[in-house]
Amino acid sequence: MPTDDLAYAKLLIQSAPKEAAAFLNLKSCAERKDGNIPEKYRELMSIAVALTTQCAHCVDVHVTQAINAGASREELAETVFIASALRAGAAVSHGLMAMRMFERNMTQANRNSPDH
């Protein structure tokens, strides 16, 4: 992960201030400490999402915040494997869609073949 990327945050925010404000408001609301979901679980959920979206900056930030919220190494490890299983499950789900598309397209191809 390039460590100097975050140096461009101020420039990004200044270049699109309304959009940045909306994003930062959403982020602040989602990461609030006074919600019904405890902070530690919010951070573990954030790590799982960051792992599946493959955002290195988010993984780094949320691992630190999870530690500060009391998450253990074991909780982090379980979070990693939960995210991995869901990512793999999504591939299988898309595989089912691919099978459906294959069958649909094969049927269409057979209808359009000169033998029919």
PDB file of N, CA and C in Angstrom:
ATOM      1  N   MET A   1       0.852  -1.176   0.000  1.00  0.00           N
ATOM      2  CA  MET A   1       0.000   0.000   0.000  1.00  0.00           C
ATOM      3  C   MET A   1       0.895   1.235   0.000  1.00  0.00           C
ATOM      4  N   PRO A   2       0.760   2.103  -0.986  1.00  0.00           N
ATOM      5  CA  PRO A   2       1.553   3.339  -0.973  1.00  0.00           C
ATOM      6  C   PRO A   2       1.178   4.181   0.239  1.00  0.00           C
ATOM      7  N   THR A   3       2.156   4.530   1.047  1.00  0.00           N
ATOM      8  CA  THR A   3       1.873   5.260   2.284  1.00  0.00           C
ATOM      9  C   THR A   3       1.590   6.731   2.055  1.00  0.00           C
ATOM     10  N   ASP A   4       1.912   7.247   0.891  1.00  0.00           N
ATOM     11  CA  ASP A   4       1.696   8.675   0.656  1.00  0.00           C
ATOM     12  C   ASP A   4       0.324   8.987   0.053  1.00  0.00           C
ATOM     13  N   ASP A   5      -0.494   7.990  -0.233  1.00  0.00           N
ATOM     14  CA  ASP A   5      -1.813   8.240  -0.810  1.00  0.00           C
ATOM     15  C   ASP A   5      -2.676   9.137   0.072  1.00  0.00           C
ATOM     16  N   LEU A   6      -2.638   8.911   1.372  1.00  0.00           N
ATOM     17  CA  LEU A   6      -3.489   9.689   2.275  1.00  0.00           C
ATOM     18  C   LEU A   6      -3.101  11.165   2.306  1.00  0.00           C
ATOM     19  N   ALA A   7      -1.926  11.486   1.830  1.00  0.00           N
ATOM     20  CA  ALA A   7      -1.510  12.889   1.747  1.00  0.00           C
ATOM     21  C   ALA A   7      -2.390  13.667   0.774  1.00  0.00           C
ATOM     22  N   TYR A   8      -3.093  12.969  -0.096  1.00  0.00           N
ATOM     23  CA  TYR A   8      -3.957  13.615  -1.087  1.00  0.00           C
ATOM     24  C   TYR A   8      -5.391  13.792  -0.592  1.00  0.00           C
ATOM     25  N   ALA A   9      -5.678  13.385   0.638  1.00  0.00           N
ATOM     26  CA  ALA A   9      -7.040  13.483   1.167  1.00  0.00           C
ATOM     27  C   ALA A   9      -7.547  14.914   1.164  1.00  0.00           C
ATOM     28  N   LYS A  10      -6.731  15.852   1.627  1.00  0.00           N
ATOM     29  CA  LYS A  10      -7.160  17.249   1.681  1.00  0.00           C
ATOM     30  C   LYS A  10      -7.460  17.780   0.277  1.00  0.00           C
ATOM     31  N   LEU A  11      -6.621  17.442  -0.685  1.00  0.00           N
ATOM     32  CA  LEU A  11      -6.832  17.872  -2.065  1.00  0.00           C
ATOM     33  C   LEU A  11      -8.113  17.265  -2.632  1.00  0.00           C
ATOM     34  N   LEU A  12      -8.356  16.009  -2.352  1.00  0.00           N
ATOM     35  CA  LEU A  12      -9.574  15.346  -2.815  1.00  0.00           C
ATOM     36  C   LEU A  12     -10.808  16.033  -2.243  1.00  0.00           C
ATOM     37  N   ILE A  13     -10.790  16.289  -0.938  1.00  0.00           N
ATOM     38  CA  ILE A  13     -11.923  16.942  -0.277  1.00  0.00           C
ATOM     39  C   ILE A  13     -12.142  18.349  -0.832  1.00  0.00           C
ATOM     40  N   GLN A  14     -11.067  19.095  -1.035  1.00  0.00           N
ATOM     41  CA  GLN A  14     -11.180  20.457  -1.581  1.00  0.00           C
ATOM     42  C   GLN A  14     -11.684  20.451  -3.023  1.00  0.00           C
ATOM     43  N   SER A  15     -11.404  19.399  -3.746  1.00  0.00           N
ATOM     44  CA  SER A  15     -11.786  19.324  -5.157  1.00  0.00           C
ATOM     45  C   SER A  15     -13.248  18.954  -5.365  1.00  0.00           C
ATOM     46  N   ALA A  16     -13.870  18.366  -4.367  1.00  0.00           N
ATOM     47  CA  ALA A  16     -15.293  18.014  -4.443  1.00  0.00           C
ATOM     48  C   ALA A  16     -15.902  18.181  -3.053  1.00  0.00           C
ATOM     49  N   PRO A  17     -16.025  19.417  -2.576  1.00  0.00           N
ATOM     50  CA  PRO A  17     -16.412  19.639  -1.179  1.00  0.00           C
ATOM     51  C   PRO A  17     -17.810  19.148  -0.797  1.00  0.00           C
ATOM     52  N   LYS A  18     -18.795  19.295  -1.662  1.00  0.00           N
ATOM     53  CA  LYS A  18     -20.146  18.846  -1.323  1.00  0.00           C
ATOM     54  C   LYS A  18     -20.195  17.325  -1.226  1.00  0.00           C
ATOM     55  N   GLU A  19     -19.597  16.661  -2.195  1.00  0.00           N
ATOM     56  CA  GLU A  19     -19.577  15.207  -2.193  1.00  0.00           C
ATOM     57  C   GLU A  19     -18.773  14.679  -1.011  1.00  0.00           C
ATOM     58  N   ALA A  20     -17.653  15.329  -0.722  1.00  0.00           N
ATOM     59  CA  ALA A  20     -16.815  14.927   0.406  1.00  0.00           C
ATOM     60  C   ALA A  20     -17.570  15.089   1.720  1.00  0.00           C
ATOM     61  N   ALA A  21     -18.283  16.192   1.856  1.00  0.00           N
ATOM     62  CA  ALA A  21     -19.054  16.430   3.084  1.00  0.00           C
ATOM     63  C   ALA A  21     -20.113  15.345   3.273  1.00  0.00           C
ATOM     64  N   ALA A  22     -20.794  14.990   2.195  1.00  0.00           N
ATOM     65  CA  ALA A  22     -21.816  13.943   2.283  1.00  0.00           C
ATOM     66  C   ALA A  22     -21.187  12.606   2.652  1.00  0.00           C
ATOM     67  N   PHE A  23     -20.063  12.269   2.023  1.00  0.00           N
ATOM     68  CA  PHE A  23     -19.368  11.020   2.327  1.00  0.00           C
ATOM     69  C   PHE A  23     -18.904  10.999   3.778  1.00  0.00           C
ATOM     70  N   LEU A  24     -18.274  12.083   4.215  1.00  0.00           N
ATOM     71  CA  LEU A  24     -17.749  12.134   5.580  1.00  0.00           C
ATOM     72  C   LEU A  24     -18.875  12.094   6.613  1.00  0.00           C
ATOM     73  N   ASN A  25     -20.026  12.682   6.293  1.00  0.00           N
ATOM     74  CA  ASN A  25     -21.181  12.603   7.181  1.00  0.00           C
ATOM     75  C   ASN A  25     -21.674  11.160   7.290  1.00  0.00           C
ATOM     76  N   LEU A  26     -21.791  10.477   6.154  1.00  0.00           N
ATOM     77  CA  LEU A  26     -22.211   9.072   6.165  1.00  0.00           C
ATOM     78  C   LEU A  26     -21.223   8.227   6.959  1.00  0.00           C
ATOM     79  N   LYS A  27     -19.936   8.434   6.712  1.00  0.00           N
ATOM     80  CA  LYS A  27     -18.889   7.692   7.411  1.00  0.00           C
ATOM     81  C   LYS A  27     -18.978   7.932   8.914  1.00  0.00           C
ATOM     82  N   SER A  28     -19.154   9.180   9.300  1.00  0.00           N
ATOM     83  CA  SER A  28     -19.257   9.535  10.709  1.00  0.00           C
ATOM     84  C   SER A  28     -20.470   8.880  11.362  1.00  0.00           C
ATOM     85  N   CYS A  29     -21.584   8.884  10.669  1.00  0.00           N
ATOM     86  CA  CYS A  29     -22.807   8.276  11.198  1.00  0.00           C
ATOM     87  C   CYS A  29     -22.640   6.759  11.333  1.00  0.00           C
ATOM     88  N   ALA A  30     -22.082   6.140  10.323  1.00  0.00           N
ATOM     89  CA  ALA A  30     -21.905   4.682  10.336  1.00  0.00           C
ATOM     90  C   ALA A  30     -20.906   4.233  11.401  1.00  0.00           C
ATOM     91  N   GLU A  31     -19.945   5.090  11.699  1.00  0.00           N
ATOM     92  CA  GLU A  31     -18.895   4.717  12.649  1.00  0.00           C
ATOM     93  C   GLU A  31     -19.107   5.313  14.037  1.00  0.00           C
ATOM     94  N   ARG A  32     -20.308   5.823  14.311  1.00  0.00           N
ATOM     95  CA  ARG A  32     -20.541   6.467  15.608  1.00  0.00           C
ATOM     96  C   ARG A  32     -20.433   5.455  16.750  1.00  0.00           C
ATOM     97  N   LYS A  33     -20.083   5.957  17.903  1.00  0.00           N
ATOM     98  CA  LYS A  33     -19.880   5.106  19.067  1.00  0.00           C
ATOM     99  C   LYS A  33     -21.170   4.926  19.880  1.00  0.00           C
ATOM    100  N   ASP A  34     -22.205   5.707  19.585  1.00  0.00           N
ATOM    101  CA  ASP A  34     -23.426   5.667  20.391  1.00  0.00           C
ATOM    102  C   ASP A  34     -24.557   4.869  19.738  1.00  0.00           C
ATOM    103  N   GLY A  35     -24.235   4.077  18.723  1.00  0.00           N
ATOM    104  CA  GLY A  35     -25.263   3.278  18.062  1.00  0.00           C
ATOM    105  C   GLY A  35     -25.607   2.032  18.860  1.00  0.00           C
ATOM    106  N   ASN A  36     -26.571   1.277  18.377  1.00  0.00           N
ATOM    107  CA  ASN A  36     -26.977   0.039  19.046  1.00  0.00           C
ATOM    108  C   ASN A  36     -25.945  -1.068  18.895  1.00  0.00           C
ATOM    109  N   ILE A  37     -25.158  -1.011  17.823  1.00  0.00           N
ATOM    110  CA  ILE A  37     -24.095  -2.000  17.626  1.00  0.00           C
ATOM    111  C   ILE A  37     -22.850  -1.476  18.336  1.00  0.00           C
ATOM    112  N   PRO A  38     -22.279  -2.268  19.250  1.00  0.00           N
ATOM    113  CA  PRO A  38     -21.085  -1.809  19.968  1.00  0.00           C
ATOM    114  C   PRO A  38     -19.924  -1.511  19.013  1.00  0.00           C
ATOM    115  N   GLU A  39     -19.082  -0.575  19.438  1.00  0.00           N
ATOM    116  CA  GLU A  39     -17.971  -0.108  18.611  1.00  0.00           C
ATOM    117  C   GLU A  39     -17.087  -1.263  18.112  1.00  0.00           C
ATOM    118  N   LYS A  40     -16.763  -2.207  18.976  1.00  0.00           N
ATOM    119  CA  LYS A  40     -15.894  -3.311  18.569  1.00  0.00           C
ATOM    120  C   LYS A  40     -16.506  -4.086  17.408  1.00  0.00           C
ATOM    121  N   TYR A  41     -17.796  -4.340  17.471  1.00  0.00           N
ATOM    122  CA  TYR A  41     -18.452  -5.087  16.396  1.00  0.00           C
ATOM    123  C   TYR A  41     -18.556  -4.263  15.121  1.00  0.00           C
ATOM    124  N   ARG A  42     -18.764  -2.958  15.264  1.00  0.00           N
ATOM    125  CA  ARG A  42     -18.762  -2.083  14.089  1.00  0.00           C
ATOM    126  C   ARG A  42     -17.411  -2.156  13.388  1.00  0.00           C
ATOM    127  N   GLU A  43     -16.342  -2.163  14.185  1.00  0.00           N
ATOM    128  CA  GLU A  43     -14.998  -2.223  13.603  1.00  0.00           C
ATOM    129  C   GLU A  43     -14.732  -3.573  12.948  1.00  0.00           C
ATOM    130  N   LEU A  44     -15.151  -4.653  13.586  1.00  0.00           N
ATOM    131  CA  LEU A  44     -14.959  -5.975  12.977  1.00  0.00           C
ATOM    132  C   LEU A  44     -15.768  -6.094  11.681  1.00  0.00           C
ATOM    133  N   MET A  45     -16.980  -5.536  11.678  1.00  0.00           N
ATOM    134  CA  MET A  45     -17.773  -5.522  10.448  1.00  0.00           C
ATOM    135  C   MET A  45     -17.073  -4.700   9.376  1.00  0.00           C
ATOM    136  N   SER A  46     -16.506  -3.573   9.774  1.00  0.00           N
ATOM    137  CA  SER A  46     -15.783  -2.720   8.825  1.00  0.00           C
ATOM    138  C   SER A  46     -14.581  -3.451   8.244  1.00  0.00           C
ATOM    139  N   ILE A  47     -13.895  -4.206   9.070  1.00  0.00           N
ATOM    140  CA  ILE A  47     -12.746  -4.990   8.582  1.00  0.00           C
ATOM    141  C   ILE A  47     -13.224  -6.024   7.575  1.00  0.00           C
ATOM    142  N   ALA A  48     -14.312  -6.713   7.889  1.00  0.00           N
ATOM    143  CA  ALA A  48     -14.821  -7.737   6.966  1.00  0.00           C
ATOM    144  C   ALA A  48     -15.171  -7.123   5.612  1.00  0.00           C
ATOM    145  N   VAL A  49     -15.819  -5.979   5.628  1.00  0.00           N
ATOM    146  CA  VAL A  49     -16.171  -5.312   4.373  1.00  0.00           C
ATOM    147  C   VAL A  49     -14.910  -4.856   3.653  1.00  0.00           C
ATOM    148  N   ALA A  50     -13.967  -4.282   4.403  1.00  0.00           N
ATOM    149  CA  ALA A  50     -12.718  -3.817   3.791  1.00  0.00           C
ATOM    150  C   ALA A  50     -11.948  -4.976   3.163  1.00  0.00           C
ATOM    151  N   LEU A  51     -11.998  -6.132   3.788  1.00  0.00           N
ATOM    152  CA  LEU A  51     -11.325  -7.300   3.208  1.00  0.00           C
ATOM    153  C   LEU A  51     -12.001  -7.732   1.914  1.00  0.00           C
ATOM    154  N   THR A  52     -13.326  -7.707   1.891  1.00  0.00           N
ATOM    155  CA  THR A  52     -14.023  -8.150   0.682  1.00  0.00           C
ATOM    156  C   THR A  52     -13.936  -7.128  -0.437  1.00  0.00           C
ATOM    157  N   THR A  53     -13.859  -5.845  -0.087  1.00  0.00           N
ATOM    158  CA  THR A  53     -13.702  -4.816  -1.122  1.00  0.00           C
ATOM    159  C   THR A  53     -12.236  -4.556  -1.432  1.00  0.00           C
ATOM    160  N   GLN A  54     -11.363  -5.162  -0.649  1.00  0.00           N
ATOM    161  CA  GLN A  54      -9.910  -5.093  -0.829  1.00  0.00           C
ATOM    162  C   GLN A  54      -9.389  -3.655  -0.749  1.00  0.00           C
ATOM    163  N   CYS A  55      -9.840  -2.953   0.272  1.00  0.00           N
ATOM    164  CA  CYS A  55      -9.370  -1.586   0.510  1.00  0.00           C
ATOM    165  C   CYS A  55      -8.292  -1.616   1.594  1.00  0.00           C
ATOM    166  N   ALA A  56      -7.049  -1.521   1.184  1.00  0.00           N
ATOM    167  CA  ALA A  56      -5.922  -1.621   2.120  1.00  0.00           C
ATOM    168  C   ALA A  56      -5.953  -0.512   3.172  1.00  0.00           C
ATOM    169  N   HIS A  57      -6.320   0.702   2.759  1.00  0.00           N
ATOM    170  CA  HIS A  57      -6.380   1.807   3.722  1.00  0.00           C
ATOM    171  C   HIS A  57      -7.443   1.517   4.791  1.00  0.00           C
ATOM    172  N   CYS A  58      -8.592   1.028   4.367  1.00  0.00           N
ATOM    173  CA  CYS A  58      -9.671   0.731   5.311  1.00  0.00           C
ATOM    174  C   CYS A  58      -9.266  -0.391   6.265  1.00  0.00           C
ATOM    175  N   VAL A  59      -8.618  -1.428   5.748  1.00  0.00           N
ATOM    176  CA  VAL A  59      -8.157  -2.512   6.611  1.00  0.00           C
ATOM    177  C   VAL A  59      -7.230  -1.939   7.678  1.00  0.00           C
ATOM    178  N   ASP A  60      -6.275  -1.132   7.271  1.00  0.00           N
ATOM    179  CA  ASP A  60      -5.304  -0.561   8.197  1.00  0.00           C
ATOM    180  C   ASP A  60      -5.995   0.271   9.282  1.00  0.00           C
ATOM    181  N   VAL A  61      -6.855   1.184   8.875  1.00  0.00           N
ATOM    182  CA  VAL A  61      -7.535   2.067   9.824  1.00  0.00           C
ATOM    183  C   VAL A  61      -8.429   1.274  10.774  1.00  0.00           C
ATOM    184  N   HIS A  62      -9.220   0.344  10.219  1.00  0.00           N
ATOM    185  CA  HIS A  62     -10.192  -0.362  11.054  1.00  0.00           C
ATOM    186  C   HIS A  62      -9.554  -1.417  11.947  1.00  0.00           C
ATOM    187  N   VAL A  63      -8.421  -1.988  11.552  1.00  0.00           N
ATOM    188  CA  VAL A  63      -7.710  -2.889  12.466  1.00  0.00           C
ATOM    189  C   VAL A  63      -7.243  -2.099  13.685  1.00  0.00           C
ATOM    190  N   THR A  64      -6.676  -0.937  13.463  1.00  0.00           N
ATOM    191  CA  THR A  64      -6.236  -0.097  14.581  1.00  0.00           C
ATOM    192  C   THR A  64      -7.413   0.283  15.468  1.00  0.00           C
ATOM    193  N   GLN A  65      -8.515   0.695  14.853  1.00  0.00           N
ATOM    194  CA  GLN A  65      -9.697   1.084  15.626  1.00  0.00           C
ATOM    195  C   GLN A  65     -10.303  -0.114  16.352  1.00  0.00           C
ATOM    196  N   ALA A  66     -10.240  -1.300  15.745  1.00  0.00           N
ATOM    197  CA  ALA A  66     -10.754  -2.503  16.403  1.00  0.00           C
ATOM    198  C   ALA A  66      -9.918  -2.832  17.643  1.00  0.00           C
ATOM    199  N   ILE A  67      -8.603  -2.699  17.528  1.00  0.00           N
ATOM    200  CA  ILE A  67      -7.732  -2.920  18.683  1.00  0.00           C
ATOM    201  C   ILE A  67      -8.106  -1.941  19.796  1.00  0.00           C
ATOM    202  N   ASN A  68      -8.267  -0.676  19.435  1.00  0.00           N
ATOM    203  CA  ASN A  68      -8.626   0.346  20.422  1.00  0.00           C
ATOM    204  C   ASN A  68      -9.993   0.093  21.048  1.00  0.00           C
ATOM    205  N   ALA A  69     -10.874  -0.593  20.320  1.00  0.00           N
ATOM    206  CA  ALA A  69     -12.212  -0.914  20.825  1.00  0.00           C
ATOM    207  C   ALA A  69     -12.233  -2.232  21.593  1.00  0.00           C
ATOM    208  N   GLY A  70     -11.062  -2.890  21.710  1.00  0.00           N
ATOM    209  CA  GLY A  70     -10.978  -4.105  22.514  1.00  0.00           C
ATOM    210  C   GLY A  70     -11.036  -5.416  21.752  1.00  0.00           C
ATOM    211  N   ALA A  71     -10.931  -5.384  20.429  1.00  0.00           N
ATOM    212  CA  ALA A  71     -10.969  -6.626  19.651  1.00  0.00           C
ATOM    213  C   ALA A  71      -9.695  -7.434  19.899  1.00  0.00           C
ATOM    214  N   SER A  72      -9.852  -8.728  19.912  1.00  0.00           N
ATOM    215  CA  SER A  72      -8.715  -9.626  20.118  1.00  0.00           C
ATOM    216  C   SER A  72      -8.174 -10.123  18.783  1.00  0.00           C
ATOM    217  N   ARG A  73      -6.987 -10.666  18.829  1.00  0.00           N
ATOM    218  CA  ARG A  73      -6.370 -11.282  17.648  1.00  0.00           C
ATOM    219  C   ARG A  73      -7.274 -12.403  17.118  1.00  0.00           C
ATOM    220  N   GLU A  74      -7.852 -13.172  18.025  1.00  0.00           N
ATOM    221  CA  GLU A  74      -8.729 -14.282  17.638  1.00  0.00           C
ATOM    222  C   GLU A  74     -10.003 -13.780  16.954  1.00  0.00           C
ATOM    223  N   GLU A  75     -10.552 -12.677  17.453  1.00  0.00           N
ATOM    224  CA  GLU A  75     -11.735 -12.095  16.793  1.00  0.00           C
ATOM    225  C   GLU A  75     -11.385 -11.597  15.402  1.00  0.00           C
ATOM    226  N   LEU A  76     -10.217 -10.993  15.268  1.00  0.00           N
ATOM    227  CA  LEU A  76      -9.776 -10.552  13.946  1.00  0.00           C
ATOM    228  C   LEU A  76      -9.619 -11.755  13.021  1.00  0.00           C
ATOM    229  N   ALA A  77      -8.989 -12.821  13.502  1.00  0.00           N
ATOM    230  CA  ALA A  77      -8.785 -14.016  12.671  1.00  0.00           C
ATOM    231  C   ALA A  77     -10.117 -14.601  12.219  1.00  0.00           C
ATOM    232  N   GLU A  78     -11.089 -14.689  13.123  1.00  0.00           N
ATOM    233  CA  GLU A  78     -12.404 -15.203  12.741  1.00  0.00           C
ATOM    234  C   GLU A  78     -13.063 -14.286  11.722  1.00  0.00           C
ATOM    235  N   THR A  79     -12.913 -12.988  11.897  1.00  0.00           N
ATOM    236  CA  THR A  79     -13.460 -12.019  10.949  1.00  0.00           C
ATOM    237  C   THR A  79     -12.874 -12.236   9.561  1.00  0.00           C
ATOM    238  N   VAL A  80     -11.564 -12.489   9.506  1.00  0.00           N
ATOM    239  CA  VAL A  80     -10.898 -12.746   8.221  1.00  0.00           C
ATOM    240  C   VAL A  80     -11.541 -13.944   7.525  1.00  0.00           C
ATOM    241  N   PHE A  81     -11.771 -15.028   8.274  1.00  0.00           N
ATOM    242  CA  PHE A  81     -12.320 -16.226   7.643  1.00  0.00           C
ATOM    243  C   PHE A  81     -13.806 -16.100   7.334  1.00  0.00           C
ATOM    244  N   ILE A  82     -14.535 -15.342   8.123  1.00  0.00           N
ATOM    245  CA  ILE A  82     -15.941 -15.078   7.785  1.00  0.00           C
ATOM    246  C   ILE A  82     -16.006 -14.308   6.474  1.00  0.00           C
ATOM    247  N   ALA A  83     -15.183 -13.255   6.353  1.00  0.00           N
ATOM    248  CA  ALA A  83     -15.155 -12.474   5.111  1.00  0.00           C
ATOM    249  C   ALA A  83     -14.731 -13.348   3.939  1.00  0.00           C
ATOM    250  N   SER A  84     -13.756 -14.224   4.159  1.00  0.00           N
ATOM    251  CA  SER A  84     -13.288 -15.121   3.090  1.00  0.00           C
ATOM    252  C   SER A  84     -14.398 -16.051   2.628  1.00  0.00           C
ATOM    253  N   ALA A  85     -15.135 -16.593   3.583  1.00  0.00           N
ATOM    254  CA  ALA A  85     -16.221 -17.510   3.236  1.00  0.00           C
ATOM    255  C   ALA A  85     -17.315 -16.785   2.459  1.00  0.00           C
ATOM    256  N   LEU A  86     -17.635 -15.562   2.872  1.00  0.00           N
ATOM    257  CA  LEU A  86     -18.665 -14.816   2.155  1.00  0.00           C
ATOM    258  C   LEU A  86     -18.199 -14.421   0.769  1.00  0.00           C
ATOM    259  N   ARG A  87     -16.924 -14.088   0.650  1.00  0.00           N
ATOM    260  CA  ARG A  87     -16.379 -13.753  -0.674  1.00  0.00           C
ATOM    261  C   ARG A  87     -16.451 -14.979  -1.584  1.00  0.00           C
ATOM    262  N   ALA A  88     -16.095 -16.132  -1.036  1.00  0.00           N
ATOM    263  CA  ALA A  88     -16.178 -17.367  -1.818  1.00  0.00           C
ATOM    264  C   ALA A  88     -17.636 -17.697  -2.146  1.00  0.00           C
ATOM    265  N   GLY A  89     -18.519 -17.466  -1.182  1.00  0.00           N
ATOM    266  CA  GLY A  89     -19.945 -17.697  -1.418  1.00  0.00           C
ATOM    267  C   GLY A  89     -20.476 -16.820  -2.533  1.00  0.00           C
ATOM    268  N   ALA A  90     -20.001 -15.597  -2.599  1.00  0.00           N
ATOM    269  CA  ALA A  90     -20.422 -14.698  -3.672  1.00  0.00           C
ATOM    270  C   ALA A  90     -19.960 -15.221  -5.022  1.00  0.00           C
ATOM    271  N   ALA A  91     -18.765 -15.813  -5.060  1.00  0.00           N
ATOM    272  CA  ALA A  91     -18.281 -16.387  -6.317  1.00  0.00           C
ATOM    273  C   ALA A  91     -19.170 -17.556  -6.741  1.00  0.00           C
ATOM    274  N   VAL A  92     -19.584 -18.377  -5.784  1.00  0.00           N
ATOM    275  CA  VAL A  92     -20.488 -19.489  -6.098  1.00  0.00           C
ATOM    276  C   VAL A  92     -21.834 -18.941  -6.566  1.00  0.00           C
ATOM    277  N   SER A  93     -22.328 -17.907  -5.887  1.00  0.00           N
ATOM    278  CA  SER A  93     -23.591 -17.300  -6.290  1.00  0.00           C
ATOM    279  C   SER A  93     -23.518 -16.775  -7.718  1.00  0.00           C
ATOM    280  N   HIS A  94     -22.427 -16.113  -8.052  1.00  0.00           N
ATOM    281  CA  HIS A  94     -22.246 -15.630  -9.420  1.00  0.00           C
ATOM    282  C   HIS A  94     -22.032 -16.803 -10.377  1.00  0.00           C
ATOM    283  N   GLY A  95     -21.455 -17.879  -9.853  1.00  0.00           N
ATOM    284  CA  GLY A  95     -21.317 -19.089 -10.665  1.00  0.00           C
ATOM    285  C   GLY A  95     -22.673 -19.664 -11.044  1.00  0.00           C
ATOM    286  N   LEU A  96     -23.630 -19.619 -10.123  1.00  0.00           N
ATOM    287  CA  LEU A  96     -24.991 -20.063 -10.426  1.00  0.00           C
ATOM    288  C   LEU A  96     -25.599 -19.195 -11.520  1.00  0.00           C
ATOM    289  N   MET A  97     -25.361 -17.898 -11.428  1.00  0.00           N
ATOM    290  CA  MET A  97     -25.838 -16.974 -12.458  1.00  0.00           C
ATOM    291  C   MET A  97     -25.181 -17.304 -13.799  1.00  0.00           C
ATOM    292  N   ALA A  98     -23.878 -17.603 -13.767  1.00  0.00           N
ATOM    293  CA  ALA A  98     -23.169 -17.963 -15.005  1.00  0.00           C
ATOM    294  C   ALA A  98     -23.747 -19.244 -15.604  1.00  0.00           C
ATOM    295  N   MET A  99     -24.082 -20.209 -14.767  1.00  0.00           N
ATOM    296  CA  MET A  99     -24.689 -21.448 -15.271  1.00  0.00           C
ATOM    297  C   MET A  99     -26.032 -21.160 -15.933  1.00  0.00           C
ATOM    298  N   ARG A 100     -26.836 -20.301 -15.278  1.00  0.00           N
ATOM    299  CA  ARG A 100     -28.132 -19.927 -15.862  1.00  0.00           C
ATOM    300  C   ARG A 100     -27.926 -19.256 -17.204  1.00  0.00           C
ATOM    301  N   MET A 101     -26.968 -18.341 -17.291  1.00  0.00           N
ATOM    302  CA  MET A 101     -26.689 -17.642 -18.545  1.00  0.00           C
ATOM    303  C   MET A 101     -26.177 -18.601 -19.608  1.00  0.00           C
ATOM    304  N   PHE A 102     -25.332 -19.539 -19.184  1.00  0.00           N
ATOM    305  CA  PHE A 102     -24.831 -20.532 -20.126  1.00  0.00           C
ATOM    306  C   PHE A 102     -25.988 -21.330 -20.706  1.00  0.00           C
ATOM    307  N   GLU A 103     -26.863 -21.815 -19.840  1.00  0.00           N
ATOM    308  CA  GLU A 103     -28.004 -22.616 -20.298  1.00  0.00           C
ATOM    309  C   GLU A 103     -28.909 -21.795 -21.211  1.00  0.00           C
ATOM    310  N   ARG A 104     -29.163 -20.556 -20.839  1.00  0.00           N
ATOM    311  CA  ARG A 104     -30.003 -19.688 -21.669  1.00  0.00           C
ATOM    312  C   ARG A 104     -29.355 -19.465 -23.029  1.00  0.00           C
ATOM    313  N   ASN A 105     -28.078 -19.140 -23.023  1.00  0.00           N
ATOM    314  CA  ASN A 105     -27.390 -18.860 -24.282  1.00  0.00           C
ATOM    315  C   ASN A 105     -27.204 -20.116 -25.125  1.00  0.00           C
ATOM    316  N   MET A 106     -26.971 -21.246 -24.480  1.00  0.00           N
ATOM    317  CA  MET A 106     -26.841 -22.501 -25.219  1.00  0.00           C
ATOM    318  C   MET A 106     -28.174 -22.852 -25.868  1.00  0.00           C
ATOM    319  N   THR A 107     -29.254 -22.665 -25.135  1.00  0.00           N
ATOM    320  CA  THR A 107     -30.584 -22.929 -25.694  1.00  0.00           C
ATOM    321  C   THR A 107     -30.845 -22.011 -26.879  1.00  0.00           C
ATOM    322  N   GLN A 108     -30.497 -20.741 -26.730  1.00  0.00           N
ATOM    323  CA  GLN A 108     -30.679 -19.779 -27.808  1.00  0.00           C
ATOM    324  C   GLN A 108     -29.808 -20.154 -29.020  1.00  0.00           C
ATOM    325  N   ALA A 109     -28.568 -20.548 -28.759  1.00  0.00           N
ATOM    326  CA  ALA A 109     -27.667 -20.932 -29.841  1.00  0.00           C
ATOM    327  C   ALA A 109     -28.209 -22.153 -30.568  1.00  0.00           C
ATOM    328  N   ASN A 110     -28.752 -23.102 -29.826  1.00  0.00           N
ATOM    329  CA  ASN A 110     -29.312 -24.307 -30.450  1.00  0.00           C
ATOM    330  C   ASN A 110     -30.542 -23.970 -31.300  1.00  0.00           C
ATOM    331  N   ARG A 111     -31.342 -23.015 -30.853  1.00  0.00           N
ATOM    332  CA  ARG A 111     -32.517 -22.599 -31.636  1.00  0.00           C
ATOM    333  C   ARG A 111     -32.111 -21.928 -32.933  1.00  0.00           C
ATOM    334  N   ASN A 112     -30.980 -21.218 -32.886  1.00  0.00           N
ATOM    335  CA  ASN A 112     -30.520 -20.485 -34.059  1.00  0.00           C
ATOM    336  C   ASN A 112     -29.624 -21.306 -34.963  1.00  0.00           C
ATOM    337  N   SER A 113     -29.308 -22.528 -34.573  1.00  0.00           N
ATOM    338  CA  SER A 113     -28.405 -23.338 -35.408  1.00  0.00           C
ATOM    339  C   SER A 113     -29.133 -23.780 -36.688  1.00  0.00           C
ATOM    340  N   PRO A 114     -28.386 -23.998 -37.765  1.00  0.00           N
ATOM    341  CA  PRO A 114     -29.001 -24.371 -39.036  1.00  0.00           C
ATOM    342  C   PRO A 114     -29.707 -25.736 -38.988  1.00  0.00           C
ATOM    343  N   ASP A 115     -29.388 -26.541 -37.956  1.00  0.00           N
ATOM    344  CA  ASP A 115     -30.011 -27.854 -37.849  1.00  0.00           C
ATOM    345  C   ASP A 115     -31.457 -27.787 -37.381  1.00  0.00           C
ATOM    346  N   HIS A 116     -31.883 -26.634 -36.860  1.00  0.00           N
ATOM    347  CA  HIS A 116     -33.248 -26.515 -36.344  1.00  0.00           C
ATOM    348  C   HIS A 116     -34.157 -25.837 -37.320  1.00  0.00           C
TER     349      HIS A 116
END
